[in-house]
Amino acid sequence: CVNSQQPIEEIVKQHFPHCSDWPEQLKQLFSAYAKTKAEQLSLDY
């Protein structure tokens, strides 16, 4: 999602169809992930 600058729905549909039931939950997870990194003064790759 980050490297292609495409929305979760499109990425899941094209490359991870077995995860197609979870776009909203993945958004929640990624939002929490971004906040946790900010709190811990961390950036990922």
All heavy atoms as atom14 arrays in JSON, in Angstrom:
{
  "sequence": "CVNSQQPIEEIVKQHFPHCSDWPEQLKQLFSAYAKTKAEQLSLDY",
  "atom14_mask": [
    [1, 1, 1, 1, 1, 1, 0, 0, 0, 0, 0, 0, 0, 0],
    [1, 1, 1, 1, 1, 1, 1, 0, 0, 0, 0, 0, 0, 0],
    [1, 1, 1, 1, 1, 1, 1, 1, 0, 0, 0, 0, 0, 0],
    [1, 1, 1, 1, 1, 1, 0, 0, 0, 0, 0, 0, 0, 0],
    [1, 1, 1, 1, 1, 1, 1, 1, 1, 0, 0, 0, 0, 0],
    [1, 1, 1, 1, 1, 1, 1, 1, 1, 0, 0, 0, 0, 0],
    [1, 1, 1, 1, 1, 1, 1, 0, 0, 0, 0, 0, 0, 0],
    [1, 1, 1, 1, 1, 1, 1, 1, 0, 0, 0, 0, 0, 0],
    [1, 1, 1, 1, 1, 1, 1, 1, 1, 0, 0, 0, 0, 0],
    [1, 1, 1, 1, 1, 1, 1, 1, 1, 0, 0, 0, 0, 0],
    [1, 1, 1, 1, 1, 1, 1, 1, 0, 0, 0, 0, 0, 0],
    [1, 1, 1, 1, 1, 1, 1, 0, 0, 0, 0, 0, 0, 0],
    [1, 1, 1, 1, 1, 1, 1, 1, 1, 0, 0, 0, 0, 0],
    [1, 1, 1, 1, 1, 1, 1, 1, 1, 0, 0, 0, 0, 0],
    [1, 1, 1, 1, 1, 1, 1, 1, 1, 1, 0, 0, 0, 0],
    [1, 1, 1, 1, 1, 1, 1, 1, 1, 1, 1, 0, 0, 0],
    [1, 1, 1, 1, 1, 1, 1, 0, 0, 0, 0, 0, 0, 0],
    [1, 1, 1, 1, 1, 1, 1, 1, 1, 1, 0, 0, 0, 0],
    [1, 1, 1, 1, 1, 1, 0, 0, 0, 0, 0, 0, 0, 0],
    [1, 1, 1, 1, 1, 1, 0, 0, 0, 0, 0, 0, 0, 0],
    [1, 1, 1, 1, 1, 1, 1, 1, 0, 0, 0, 0, 0, 0],
    [1, 1, 1, 1, 1, 1, 1, 1, 1, 1, 1, 1, 1, 1],
    [1, 1, 1, 1, 1, 1, 1, 0, 0, 0, 0, 0, 0, 0],
    [1, 1, 1, 1, 1, 1, 1, 1, 1, 0, 0, 0, 0, 0],
    [1, 1, 1, 1, 1, 1, 1, 1, 1, 0, 0, 0, 0, 0],
    [1, 1, 1, 1, 1, 1, 1, 1, 0, 0, 0, 0, 0, 0],
    [1, 1, 1, 1, 1, 1, 1, 1, 1, 0, 0, 0, 0, 0],
    [1, 1, 1, 1, 1, 1, 1, 1, 1, 0, 0, 0, 0, 0],
    [1, 1, 1, 1, 1, 1, 1, 1, 0, 0, 0, 0, 0, 0],
    [1, 1, 1, 1, 1, 1, 1, 1, 1, 1, 1, 0, 0, 0],
    [1, 1, 1, 1, 1, 1, 0, 0, 0, 0, 0, 0, 0, 0],
    [1, 1, 1, 1, 1, 0, 0, 0, 0, 0, 0, 0, 0, 0],
    [1, 1, 1, 1, 1, 1, 1, 1, 1, 1, 1, 1, 0, 0],
    [1, 1, 1, 1, 1, 0, 0, 0, 0, 0, 0, 0, 0, 0],
    [1, 1, 1, 1, 1, 1, 1, 1, 1, 0, 0, 0, 0, 0],
    [1, 1, 1, 1, 1, 1, 1, 0, 0, 0, 0, 0, 0, 0],
    [1, 1, 1, 1, 1, 1, 1, 1, 1, 0, 0, 0, 0, 0],
    [1, 1, 1, 1, 1, 0, 0, 0, 0, 0, 0, 0, 0, 0],
    [1, 1, 1, 1, 1, 1, 1, 1, 1, 0, 0, 0, 0, 0],
    [1, 1, 1, 1, 1, 1, 1, 1, 1, 0, 0, 0, 0, 0],
    [1, 1, 1, 1, 1, 1, 1, 1, 0, 0, 0, 0, 0, 0],
    [1, 1, 1, 1, 1, 1, 0, 0, 0, 0, 0, 0, 0, 0],
    [1, 1, 1, 1, 1, 1, 1, 1, 0, 0, 0, 0, 0, 0],
    [1, 1, 1, 1, 1, 1, 1, 1, 0, 0, 0, 0, 0, 0],
    [1, 1, 1, 1, 1, 1, 1, 1, 1, 1, 1, 1, 0, 0]
  ],
  "atom14_positions": [
    [[0.84, -1.21, 0.0], [0.0, 0.0, 0.0], [0.87, 1.25, 0.0], [0.63, 2.2, -0.76], [-0.92, 0.03, 1.22], [-2.3, -1.12, 1.15], [0.0, 0.0, 0.0], [0.0, 0.0, 0.0], [0.0, 0.0, 0.0], [0.0, 0.0, 0.0], [0.0, 0.0, 0.0], [0.0, 0.0, 0.0], [0.0, 0.0, 0.0], [0.0, 0.0, 0.0]],
    [[1.88, 1.26, 0.86], [2.75, 2.43, 0.99], [3.57, 2.64, -0.27], [3.6, 3.74, -0.84], [3.68, 2.28, 2.21], [4.74, 3.37, 2.22], [2.88, 2.32, 3.5], [0.0, 0.0, 0.0], [0.0, 0.0, 0.0], [0.0, 0.0, 0.0], [0.0, 0.0, 0.0], [0.0, 0.0, 0.0], [0.0, 0.0, 0.0], [0.0, 0.0, 0.0]],
    [[4.22, 1.59, -0.76], [5.15, 1.75, -1.88], [4.47, 1.96, -3.23], [5.05, 2.57, -4.12], [6.09, 0.53, -1.95], [7.11, 0.55, -0.85], [7.93, 1.45, -0.76], [7.06, -0.44, 0.04], [0.0, 0.0, 0.0], [0.0, 0.0, 0.0], [0.0, 0.0, 0.0], [0.0, 0.0, 0.0], [0.0, 0.0, 0.0], [0.0, 0.0, 0.0]],
    [[3.26, 1.45, -3.37], [2.54, 1.65, -4.63], [1.61, 2.85, -4.57], [1.06, 3.26, -5.59], [1.73, 0.39, -4.98], [0.69, 0.19, -4.04], [0.0, 0.0, 0.0], [0.0, 0.0, 0.0], [0.0, 0.0, 0.0], [0.0, 0.0, 0.0], [0.0, 0.0, 0.0], [0.0, 0.0, 0.0], [0.0, 0.0, 0.0], [0.0, 0.0, 0.0]],
    [[1.39, 3.37, -3.36], [0.47, 4.49, -3.15], [-0.93, 4.16, -3.67], [-1.58, 4.97, -4.32], [1.01, 5.76, -3.8], [2.23, 6.35, -3.09], [1.88, 6.87, -1.69], [1.33, 7.96, -1.55], [2.19, 6.08, -0.67], [0.0, 0.0, 0.0], [0.0, 0.0, 0.0], [0.0, 0.0, 0.0], [0.0, 0.0, 0.0], [0.0, 0.0, 0.0]],
    [[-1.37, 2.95, -3.36], [-2.71, 2.5, -3.73], [-3.51, 2.19, -2.47], [-2.93, 1.81, -1.44], [-2.63, 1.25, -4.61], [-2.04, 1.49, -5.99], [-1.98, 0.2, -6.8], [-1.31, -0.75, -6.42], [-2.67, 0.17, -7.92], [0.0, 0.0, 0.0], [0.0, 0.0, 0.0], [0.0, 0.0, 0.0], [0.0, 0.0, 0.0], [0.0, 0.0, 0.0]],
    [[-4.84, 2.32, -2.53], [-5.67, 2.04, -1.34], [-5.69, 0.56, -0.99], [-5.44, -0.31, -1.84], [-7.06, 2.53, -1.75], [-7.06, 2.52, -3.24], [-5.65, 2.82, -3.66], [0.0, 0.0, 0.0], [0.0, 0.0, 0.0], [0.0, 0.0, 0.0], [0.0, 0.0, 0.0], [0.0, 0.0, 0.0], [0.0, 0.0, 0.0], [0.0, 0.0, 0.0]],
    [[-6.0, 0.28, 0.27], [-6.02, -1.1, 0.75], [-6.94, -1.98, -0.09], [-6.59, -3.1, -0.46], [-6.47, -1.14, 2.23], [-5.37, -0.61, 3.14], [-6.84, -2.56, 2.65], [-5.73, -0.59, 4.61], [0.0, 0.0, 0.0], [0.0, 0.0, 0.0], [0.0, 0.0, 0.0], [0.0, 0.0, 0.0], [0.0, 0.0, 0.0], [0.0, 0.0, 0.0]],
    [[-8.13, -1.46, -0.4], [-9.12, -2.26, -1.13], [-8.55, -2.76, -2.46], [-8.72, -3.92, -2.84], [-10.38, -1.44, -1.4], [-11.19, -1.1, -0.15], [-10.67, 0.12, 0.6], [-9.65, 0.72, 0.15], [-11.27, 0.49, 1.62], [0.0, 0.0, 0.0], [0.0, 0.0, 0.0], [0.0, 0.0, 0.0], [0.0, 0.0, 0.0], [0.0, 0.0, 0.0]],
    [[-7.84, -1.88, -3.15], [-7.28, -2.25, -4.46], [-6.14, -3.25, -4.31], [-6.05, -4.22, -5.08], [-6.79, -0.99, -5.16], [-6.52, -1.19, -6.64], [-6.29, 0.13, -7.36], [-6.89, 1.15, -6.95], [-5.52, 0.12, -8.33], [0.0, 0.0, 0.0], [0.0, 0.0, 0.0], [0.0, 0.0, 0.0], [0.0, 0.0, 0.0], [0.0, 0.0, 0.0]],
    [[-5.29, -3.03, -3.31], [-4.15, -3.94, -3.08], [-4.64, -5.33, -2.71], [-4.15, -6.34, -3.24], [-3.24, -3.38, -1.96], [-2.53, -2.11, -2.44], [-2.23, -4.42, -1.51], [-1.61, -2.31, -3.61], [0.0, 0.0, 0.0], [0.0, 0.0, 0.0], [0.0, 0.0, 0.0], [0.0, 0.0, 0.0], [0.0, 0.0, 0.0], [0.0, 0.0, 0.0]],
    [[-5.62, -5.39, -1.82], [-6.14, -6.69, -1.38], [-6.79, -7.42, -2.56], [-6.59, -8.62, -2.75], [-7.14, -6.5, -0.22], [-7.9, -7.79, 0.04], [-6.41, -6.07, 1.05], [0.0, 0.0, 0.0], [0.0, 0.0, 0.0], [0.0, 0.0, 0.0], [0.0, 0.0, 0.0], [0.0, 0.0, 0.0], [0.0, 0.0, 0.0], [0.0, 0.0, 0.0]],
    [[-7.55, -6.69, -3.34], [-8.25, -7.31, -4.48], [-7.26, -7.88, -5.49], [-7.44, -9.0, -6.0], [-9.16, -6.27, -5.15], [-9.93, -6.82, -6.34], [-10.81, -5.74, -6.96], [-11.54, -6.26, -8.18], [-12.37, -5.2, -8.83], [0.0, 0.0, 0.0], [0.0, 0.0, 0.0], [0.0, 0.0, 0.0], [0.0, 0.0, 0.0], [0.0, 0.0, 0.0]],
    [[-6.18, -7.14, -5.79], [-5.24, -7.55, -6.82], [-4.26, -8.62, -6.35], [-3.94, -9.55, -7.1], [-4.44, -6.34, -7.32], [-5.23, -5.37, -8.16], [-4.35, -4.22, -8.66], [-3.14, -4.23, -8.49], [-4.98, -3.23, -9.27], [0.0, 0.0, 0.0], [0.0, 0.0, 0.0], [0.0, 0.0, 0.0], [0.0, 0.0, 0.0], [0.0, 0.0, 0.0]],
    [[-3.77, -8.47, -5.12], [-2.64, -9.29, -4.69], [-2.91, -10.21, -3.5], [-2.16, -11.16, -3.27], [-1.44, -8.39, -4.36], [-1.07, -7.45, -5.46], [-0.44, -7.88, -6.61], [-1.27, -6.11, -5.6], [-0.25, -6.83, -7.41], [-0.73, -5.75, -6.82], [0.0, 0.0, 0.0], [0.0, 0.0, 0.0], [0.0, 0.0, 0.0], [0.0, 0.0, 0.0]],
    [[-3.96, -9.91, -2.72], [-4.26, -10.72, -1.53], [-5.76, -11.03, -1.48], [-6.44, -10.69, -0.5], [-3.83, -9.98, -0.26], [-2.38, -9.58, -0.22], [-1.97, -8.36, -0.73], [-1.43, -10.45, 0.3], [-0.63, -7.99, -0.7], [-0.09, -10.08, 0.33], [0.31, -8.85, -0.18], [0.0, 0.0, 0.0], [0.0, 0.0, 0.0], [0.0, 0.0, 0.0]],
    [[-6.3, -11.66, -2.52], [-7.75, -11.88, -2.56], [-8.27, -12.71, -1.39], [-9.44, -12.58, -1.01], [-7.96, -12.61, -3.9], [-6.62, -13.16, -4.27], [-5.62, -12.2, -3.71], [0.0, 0.0, 0.0], [0.0, 0.0, 0.0], [0.0, 0.0, 0.0], [0.0, 0.0, 0.0], [0.0, 0.0, 0.0], [0.0, 0.0, 0.0], [0.0, 0.0, 0.0]],
    [[-7.41, -13.53, -0.78], [-7.84, -14.34, 0.37], [-8.06, -13.48, 1.61], [-8.59, -13.97, 2.61], [-6.81, -15.43, 0.66], [-5.44, -14.93, 0.95], [-4.63, -14.39, -0.04], [-4.72, -14.86, 2.1], [-3.48, -14.02, 0.5], [-3.5, -14.29, 1.8], [0.0, 0.0, 0.0], [0.0, 0.0, 0.0], [0.0, 0.0, 0.0], [0.0, 0.0, 0.0]],
    [[-7.67, -12.2, 1.54], [-7.87, -11.28, 2.68], [-8.97, -10.26, 2.39], [-9.06, -9.23, 3.07], [-6.56, -10.53, 2.98], [-5.16, -11.61, 3.34], [0.0, 0.0, 0.0], [0.0, 0.0, 0.0], [0.0, 0.0, 0.0], [0.0, 0.0, 0.0], [0.0, 0.0, 0.0], [0.0, 0.0, 0.0], [0.0, 0.0, 0.0], [0.0, 0.0, 0.0]],
    [[-9.8, -10.55, 1.4], [-10.78, -9.56, 0.93], [-11.87, -9.24, 1.95], [-12.59, -8.26, 1.79], [-11.42, -10.05, -0.38], [-12.04, -11.31, -0.17], [0.0, 0.0, 0.0], [0.0, 0.0, 0.0], [0.0, 0.0, 0.0], [0.0, 0.0, 0.0], [0.0, 0.0, 0.0], [0.0, 0.0, 0.0], [0.0, 0.0, 0.0], [0.0, 0.0, 0.0]],
    [[-12.0, -10.04, 3.0], [-13.03, -9.78, 4.02], [-12.59, -8.78, 5.09], [-13.38, -8.43, 5.97], [-13.43, -11.09, 4.72], [-14.14, -12.05, 3.79], [-14.69, -11.59, 2.77], [-14.12, -13.27, 4.07], [0.0, 0.0, 0.0], [0.0, 0.0, 0.0], [0.0, 0.0, 0.0], [0.0, 0.0, 0.0], [0.0, 0.0, 0.0], [0.0, 0.0, 0.0]],
    [[-11.33, -8.31, 5.02], [-10.79, -7.58, 6.16], [-10.29, -6.16, 5.87], [-9.47, -5.65, 6.65], [-9.63, -8.37, 6.77], [-9.96, -9.77, 7.14], [-9.6, -10.91, 6.47], [-10.71, -10.22, 8.27], [-10.07, -12.02, 7.11], [-10.76, -11.63, 8.22], [-11.34, -9.55, 9.33], [-11.41, -12.39, 9.18], [-11.99, -10.3, 10.28], [-12.03, -11.7, 10.21]],
    [[-10.72, -5.46, 4.85], [-10.13, -4.13, 4.58], [-10.31, -3.13, 5.72], [-9.38, -2.38, 6.03], [-10.84, -3.67, 3.3], [-12.07, -4.5, 3.22], [-11.73, -5.81, 3.84], [0.0, 0.0, 0.0], [0.0, 0.0, 0.0], [0.0, 0.0, 0.0], [0.0, 0.0, 0.0], [0.0, 0.0, 0.0], [0.0, 0.0, 0.0], [0.0, 0.0, 0.0]],
    [[-11.48, -3.1, 6.35], [-11.71, -2.14, 7.42], [-10.86, -2.44, 8.65], [-10.3, -1.56, 9.3], [-13.2, -2.12, 7.81], [-14.11, -1.56, 6.72], [-13.68, -0.17, 6.26], [-13.35, 0.67, 7.14], [-13.64, 0.06, 5.04], [0.0, 0.0, 0.0], [0.0, 0.0, 0.0], [0.0, 0.0, 0.0], [0.0, 0.0, 0.0], [0.0, 0.0, 0.0]],
    [[-10.75, -3.74, 8.98], [-9.92, -4.14, 10.12], [-8.44, -3.85, 9.84], [-7.7, -3.45, 10.75], [-10.12, -5.62, 10.42], [-11.48, -5.97, 11.0], [-12.55, -6.15, 9.91], [-12.31, -5.89, 8.73], [-13.72, -6.63, 10.31], [0.0, 0.0, 0.0], [0.0, 0.0, 0.0], [0.0, 0.0, 0.0], [0.0, 0.0, 0.0], [0.0, 0.0, 0.0]],
    [[-8.01, -4.05, 8.6], [-6.63, -3.75, 8.24], [-6.34, -2.25, 8.36], [-5.25, -1.85, 8.8], [-6.33, -4.24, 6.81], [-6.2, -5.76, 6.65], [-6.2, -6.15, 5.18], [-4.93, -6.27, 7.33], [0.0, 0.0, 0.0], [0.0, 0.0, 0.0], [0.0, 0.0, 0.0], [0.0, 0.0, 0.0], [0.0, 0.0, 0.0], [0.0, 0.0, 0.0]],
    [[-7.32, -1.43, 7.99], [-7.16, 0.02, 8.16], [-6.97, 0.36, 9.63], [-6.12, 1.19, 9.99], [-8.38, 0.76, 7.59], [-8.43, 0.83, 6.09], [-9.67, 1.6, 5.64], [-9.8, 1.59, 4.12], [-11.04, 2.26, 3.66], [0.0, 0.0, 0.0], [0.0, 0.0, 0.0], [0.0, 0.0, 0.0], [0.0, 0.0, 0.0], [0.0, 0.0, 0.0]],
    [[-7.78, -0.26, 10.49], [-7.64, -0.05, 11.94], [-6.25, -0.45, 12.42], [-5.61, 0.26, 13.19], [-8.68, -0.89, 12.7], [-10.05, -0.28, 12.83], [-10.94, -1.19, 13.67], [-11.73, -1.98, 13.16], [-10.82, -1.08, 14.98], [0.0, 0.0, 0.0], [0.0, 0.0, 0.0], [0.0, 0.0, 0.0], [0.0, 0.0, 0.0], [0.0, 0.0, 0.0]],
    [[-5.82, -1.61, 11.95], [-4.51, -2.14, 12.37], [-3.39, -1.2, 11.92], [-2.49, -0.87, 12.7], [-4.31, -3.54, 11.77], [-2.96, -4.2, 12.03], [-2.73, -4.41, 13.52], [-2.88, -5.54, 11.29], [0.0, 0.0, 0.0], [0.0, 0.0, 0.0], [0.0, 0.0, 0.0], [0.0, 0.0, 0.0], [0.0, 0.0, 0.0], [0.0, 0.0, 0.0]],
    [[-3.44, -0.76, 10.67], [-2.38, 0.09, 10.14], [-2.39, 1.47, 10.81], [-1.33, 2.09, 10.98], [-2.5, 0.22, 8.62], [-2.33, -1.09, 7.89], [-2.82, -1.26, 6.6], [-1.68, -2.17, 8.48], [-2.67, -2.46, 5.92], [-1.52, -3.38, 7.82], [-2.02, -3.52, 6.54], [0.0, 0.0, 0.0], [0.0, 0.0, 0.0], [0.0, 0.0, 0.0]],
    [[-3.57, 1.95, 11.17], [-3.66, 3.22, 11.89], [-3.0, 3.1, 13.26], [-2.21, 3.97, 13.68], [-5.13, 3.63, 12.06], [-5.24, 4.8, 12.84], [0.0, 0.0, 0.0], [0.0, 0.0, 0.0], [0.0, 0.0, 0.0], [0.0, 0.0, 0.0], [0.0, 0.0, 0.0], [0.0, 0.0, 0.0], [0.0, 0.0, 0.0], [0.0, 0.0, 0.0]],
    [[-3.29, 2.0, 13.96], [-2.67, 1.77, 15.28], [-1.16, 1.58, 15.13], [-0.37, 2.04, 15.98], [-3.29, 0.53, 15.93], [0.0, 0.0, 0.0], [0.0, 0.0, 0.0], [0.0, 0.0, 0.0], [0.0, 0.0, 0.0], [0.0, 0.0, 0.0], [0.0, 0.0, 0.0], [0.0, 0.0, 0.0], [0.0, 0.0, 0.0], [0.0, 0.0, 0.0]],
    [[-0.75, 0.94, 14.07], [0.68, 0.7, 13.79], [1.4, 2.04, 13.59], [2.48, 2.27, 14.17], [0.79, -0.18, 12.54], [2.18, -0.47, 12.05], [3.15, -1.01, 12.89], [2.52, -0.26, 10.71], [4.42, -1.31, 12.41], [3.78, -0.55, 10.23], [4.73, -1.07, 11.08], [5.98, -1.37, 10.6], [0.0, 0.0, 0.0], [0.0, 0.0, 0.0]],
    [[0.8, 2.93, 12.81], [1.41, 4.24, 12.57], [1.52, 5.04, 13.87], [2.55, 5.68, 14.13], [0.6, 5.01, 11.53], [0.0, 0.0, 0.0], [0.0, 0.0, 0.0], [0.0, 0.0, 0.0], [0.0, 0.0, 0.0], [0.0, 0.0, 0.0], [0.0, 0.0, 0.0], [0.0, 0.0, 0.0], [0.0, 0.0, 0.0], [0.0, 0.0, 0.0]],
    [[0.48, 4.99, 14.69], [0.5, 5.74, 15.96], [1.54, 5.17, 16.91], [2.26, 5.92, 17.59], [-0.88, 5.69, 16.6], [-1.94, 6.51, 15.88], [-3.32, 6.3, 16.49], [-4.39, 7.05, 15.68], [-5.76, 6.75, 16.16], [0.0, 0.0, 0.0], [0.0, 0.0, 0.0], [0.0, 0.0, 0.0], [0.0, 0.0, 0.0], [0.0, 0.0, 0.0]],
    [[1.64, 3.85, 16.98], [2.61, 3.22, 17.87], [4.04, 3.56, 17.46], [4.9, 3.85, 18.31], [2.42, 1.69, 17.88], [1.07, 1.4, 18.26], [3.37, 1.03, 18.85], [0.0, 0.0, 0.0], [0.0, 0.0, 0.0], [0.0, 0.0, 0.0], [0.0, 0.0, 0.0], [0.0, 0.0, 0.0], [0.0, 0.0, 0.0], [0.0, 0.0, 0.0]],
    [[4.31, 3.55, 16.16], [5.65, 3.93, 15.69], [5.97, 5.36, 16.07], [7.1, 5.67, 16.5], [5.74, 3.75, 14.17], [5.84, 2.31, 13.71], [6.03, 2.2, 12.21], [4.8, 2.68, 11.44], [4.96, 2.55, 9.98], [0.0, 0.0, 0.0], [0.0, 0.0, 0.0], [0.0, 0.0, 0.0], [0.0, 0.0, 0.0], [0.0, 0.0, 0.0]],
    [[4.99, 6.25, 15.92], [5.21, 7.66, 16.28], [5.51, 7.8, 17.77], [6.41, 8.55, 18.17], [3.99, 8.49, 15.89], [0.0, 0.0, 0.0], [0.0, 0.0, 0.0], [0.0, 0.0, 0.0], [0.0, 0.0, 0.0], [0.0, 0.0, 0.0], [0.0, 0.0, 0.0], [0.0, 0.0, 0.0], [0.0, 0.0, 0.0], [0.0, 0.0, 0.0]],
    [[4.76, 7.04, 18.59], [4.97, 7.11, 20.05], [6.35, 6.59, 20.44], [6.95, 7.07, 21.4], [3.89, 6.3, 20.77], [2.49, 6.92, 20.69], [1.41, 5.94, 21.13], [1.76, 4.78, 21.46], [0.23, 6.33, 21.12], [0.0, 0.0, 0.0], [0.0, 0.0, 0.0], [0.0, 0.0, 0.0], [0.0, 0.0, 0.0], [0.0, 0.0, 0.0]],
    [[6.84, 5.61, 19.69], [8.13, 4.99, 20.02], [9.3, 5.59, 19.23], [10.4, 5.05, 19.23], [8.06, 3.48, 19.78], [7.05, 2.76, 20.66], [7.1, 1.25, 20.51], [8.03, 0.69, 19.91], [6.12, 0.56, 21.07], [0.0, 0.0, 0.0], [0.0, 0.0, 0.0], [0.0, 0.0, 0.0], [0.0, 0.0, 0.0], [0.0, 0.0, 0.0]],
    [[9.04, 6.73, 18.58], [10.07, 7.42, 17.8], [10.73, 6.47, 16.8], [11.96, 6.39, 16.7], [11.14, 8.03, 18.71], [10.67, 8.98, 19.81], [11.85, 9.51, 20.6], [9.85, 10.11, 19.23], [0.0, 0.0, 0.0], [0.0, 0.0, 0.0], [0.0, 0.0, 0.0], [0.0, 0.0, 0.0], [0.0, 0.0, 0.0], [0.0, 0.0, 0.0]],
    [[9.91, 5.73, 16.08], [10.42, 4.72, 15.15], [9.84, 4.92, 13.76], [8.68, 5.33, 13.6], [10.08, 3.31, 15.64], [10.63, 3.06, 16.91], [0.0, 0.0, 0.0], [0.0, 0.0, 0.0], [0.0, 0.0, 0.0], [0.0, 0.0, 0.0], [0.0, 0.0, 0.0], [0.0, 0.0, 0.0], [0.0, 0.0, 0.0], [0.0, 0.0, 0.0]],
    [[10.64, 4.62, 12.76], [10.18, 4.54, 11.37], [10.53, 3.16, 10.85], [11.59, 2.61, 11.18], [10.87, 5.59, 10.49], [10.67, 7.07, 10.82], [11.38, 7.93, 9.78], [9.21, 7.43, 10.88], [0.0, 0.0, 0.0], [0.0, 0.0, 0.0], [0.0, 0.0, 0.0], [0.0, 0.0, 0.0], [0.0, 0.0, 0.0], [0.0, 0.0, 0.0]],
    [[9.64, 2.58, 10.05], [9.99, 1.3, 9.46], [10.63, 1.53, 8.09], [10.8, 2.66, 7.63], [8.78, 0.36, 9.4], [7.7, 0.82, 8.44], [7.97, 1.67, 7.57], [6.56, 0.34, 8.56], [0.0, 0.0, 0.0], [0.0, 0.0, 0.0], [0.0, 0.0, 0.0], [0.0, 0.0, 0.0], [0.0, 0.0, 0.0], [0.0, 0.0, 0.0]],
    [[10.98, 0.44, 7.45], [11.68, 0.48, 6.16], [10.92, 1.31, 5.13], [11.5, 2.13, 4.42], [11.84, -0.97, 5.69], [12.86, -1.2, 4.62], [14.22, -1.08, 4.88], [12.47, -1.59, 3.34], [15.16, -1.31, 3.9], [13.41, -1.84, 2.35], [14.76, -1.69, 2.64], [15.69, -1.93, 1.66], [0.0, 0.0, 0.0], [0.0, 0.0, 0.0]]
  ]
}
